[in-house]
Amino acid sequence: MGSCGGITGEKQIASVSQAHHMLLAPHVWGGPIITVAALELDAVIPNFLIQESIHKSGLFFDELLEEPFVWYGGDLLLPDRPGLGFNLNEERLEKHAVRR
């Protein structure tokens, strides 16, 4: 999602793919925010197949979130909370800040 124009770009790619009867297997890279945004978008793409990602959940990603990702049977579950469903833990995030 981060390399194709964000949410709008990926949704456009998904629509063109669907028109040609193709499944979508997007790749997400980066931190927990882009991962969560990708999961929310995946949930509304009718031709979604699988979300490729680097596995950081349970490690660095969960350290930065107030509530960690939930995995069930190999699937990353969508949260049932409003918005993107996750909040960053500001205190933990601060220790990774780069100062100039």
Protein backbone atom coordinates (compact mmCIF):
# COMPACT_ATOMS: atom_id res chain seq x y z
CA MET A 1 0.00 0.00 0.00
CA GLY A 2 2.84 2.40 0.76
CA SER A 3 4.30 2.11 -2.74
CA CYS A 4 1.16 2.29 -4.86
CA GLY A 5 -0.45 5.56 -3.84
CA GLY A 6 -1.84 4.62 -0.44
CA ILE A 7 -5.40 3.53 0.23
CA THR A 8 -6.77 5.16 -2.93
CA GLY A 9 -4.07 3.66 -5.15
CA GLU A 10 -4.51 0.16 -3.77
CA LYS A 11 -8.31 0.38 -4.05
CA GLN A 12 -7.94 1.40 -7.71
CA ILE A 13 -5.60 -1.54 -8.37
CA ALA A 14 -8.08 -3.85 -6.65
CA SER A 15 -10.93 -2.55 -8.82
CA VAL A 16 -9.00 -3.05 -12.08
CA SER A 17 -7.91 -6.51 -10.91
CA GLN A 18 -11.48 -7.45 -10.04
CA ALA A 19 -12.69 -6.32 -13.48
CA HIS A 20 -10.23 -8.82 -14.97
CA HIS A 21 -11.21 -11.62 -12.55
CA MET A 22 -7.87 -11.51 -10.74
CA LEU A 23 -7.29 -12.00 -7.03
CA LEU A 24 -5.24 -9.45 -5.09
CA ALA A 25 -2.32 -10.35 -2.81
CA PRO A 26 -0.93 -6.99 -1.68
CA HIS A 27 2.31 -6.63 0.23
CA VAL A 28 2.67 -4.27 3.16
CA TRP A 29 5.99 -3.09 4.54
CA GLY A 30 6.70 -0.71 7.35
CA GLY A 31 5.28 -0.35 10.81
CA PRO A 32 2.09 -1.25 12.62
CA ILE A 33 0.08 1.73 11.35
CA ILE A 34 0.44 0.85 7.66
CA THR A 35 -0.18 -2.81 8.53
CA VAL A 36 -3.43 -1.96 10.29
CA ALA A 37 -4.54 0.31 7.44
CA ALA A 38 -3.80 -2.47 4.95
CA LEU A 39 -5.87 -4.97 6.97
CA GLU A 40 -8.83 -2.61 7.06
CA LEU A 41 -8.60 -2.13 3.30
CA ASP A 42 -8.25 -5.88 2.73
CA ALA A 43 -11.57 -6.38 4.52
CA VAL A 44 -13.46 -4.40 1.86
CA ILE A 45 -11.74 -5.69 -1.27
CA PRO A 46 -13.99 -8.39 -2.82
CA ASN A 47 -11.11 -10.01 -4.74
CA PHE A 48 -8.70 -10.03 -1.79
CA LEU A 49 -6.72 -13.28 -1.46
CA ILE A 50 -3.96 -12.84 1.11
CA GLN A 51 -1.95 -10.07 2.77
CA GLU A 52 1.80 -10.44 2.46
CA SER A 53 3.76 -8.86 5.27
CA ILE A 54 6.94 -8.98 7.26
CA HIS A 55 6.31 -10.77 10.53
CA LYS A 56 6.95 -8.32 13.33
CA SER A 57 3.76 -8.90 15.29
CA GLY A 58 4.55 -10.28 18.72
CA LEU A 59 7.81 -8.43 18.55
CA PHE A 60 8.41 -4.79 17.62
CA PHE A 61 4.90 -4.04 16.33
CA ASP A 62 3.20 -5.25 19.49
CA GLU A 63 5.64 -3.24 21.55
CA LEU A 64 4.43 -0.06 19.83
CA LEU A 65 0.70 -0.80 20.13
CA GLU A 66 -1.45 -0.40 23.25
CA GLU A 67 -3.12 -3.72 22.41
CA PRO A 68 -1.19 -6.28 20.35
CA PHE A 69 -2.31 -7.87 17.11
CA VAL A 70 -4.42 -10.98 17.55
CA TRP A 71 -3.62 -14.06 15.49
CA TYR A 72 -6.01 -16.99 15.11
CA GLY A 73 -5.24 -20.06 13.00
CA GLY A 74 -2.66 -18.18 10.96
CA ASP A 75 -4.94 -15.20 10.34
CA LEU A 76 -4.42 -11.72 11.67
CA LEU A 77 -7.80 -10.69 13.06
CA LEU A 78 -9.36 -7.30 12.47
CA PRO A 79 -10.08 -5.31 15.61
CA ASP A 80 -13.65 -4.42 16.53
CA ARG A 81 -12.69 -0.99 17.88
CA PRO A 82 -13.41 2.29 16.02
CA GLY A 83 -11.11 3.84 13.43
CA LEU A 84 -8.16 1.68 12.51
CA GLY A 85 -8.78 -0.22 15.75
CA PHE A 86 -5.34 0.26 17.28
CA ASN A 87 -3.61 3.01 19.22
CA LEU A 88 0.08 3.60 19.52
CA ASN A 89 1.68 3.40 22.94
CA GLU A 90 3.28 6.86 23.11
CA GLU A 91 5.70 5.98 25.92
CA ARG A 92 7.09 2.94 24.13
CA LEU A 93 7.23 4.86 20.85
CA GLU A 94 9.25 7.63 22.48
CA LYS A 95 12.13 5.31 23.33
CA HIS A 96 12.60 4.61 19.61
CA ALA A 97 12.55 8.29 18.59
CA VAL A 98 15.55 9.49 16.60
CA ARG A 99 16.90 12.81 17.82
CA ARG A 100 19.08 15.14 15.74
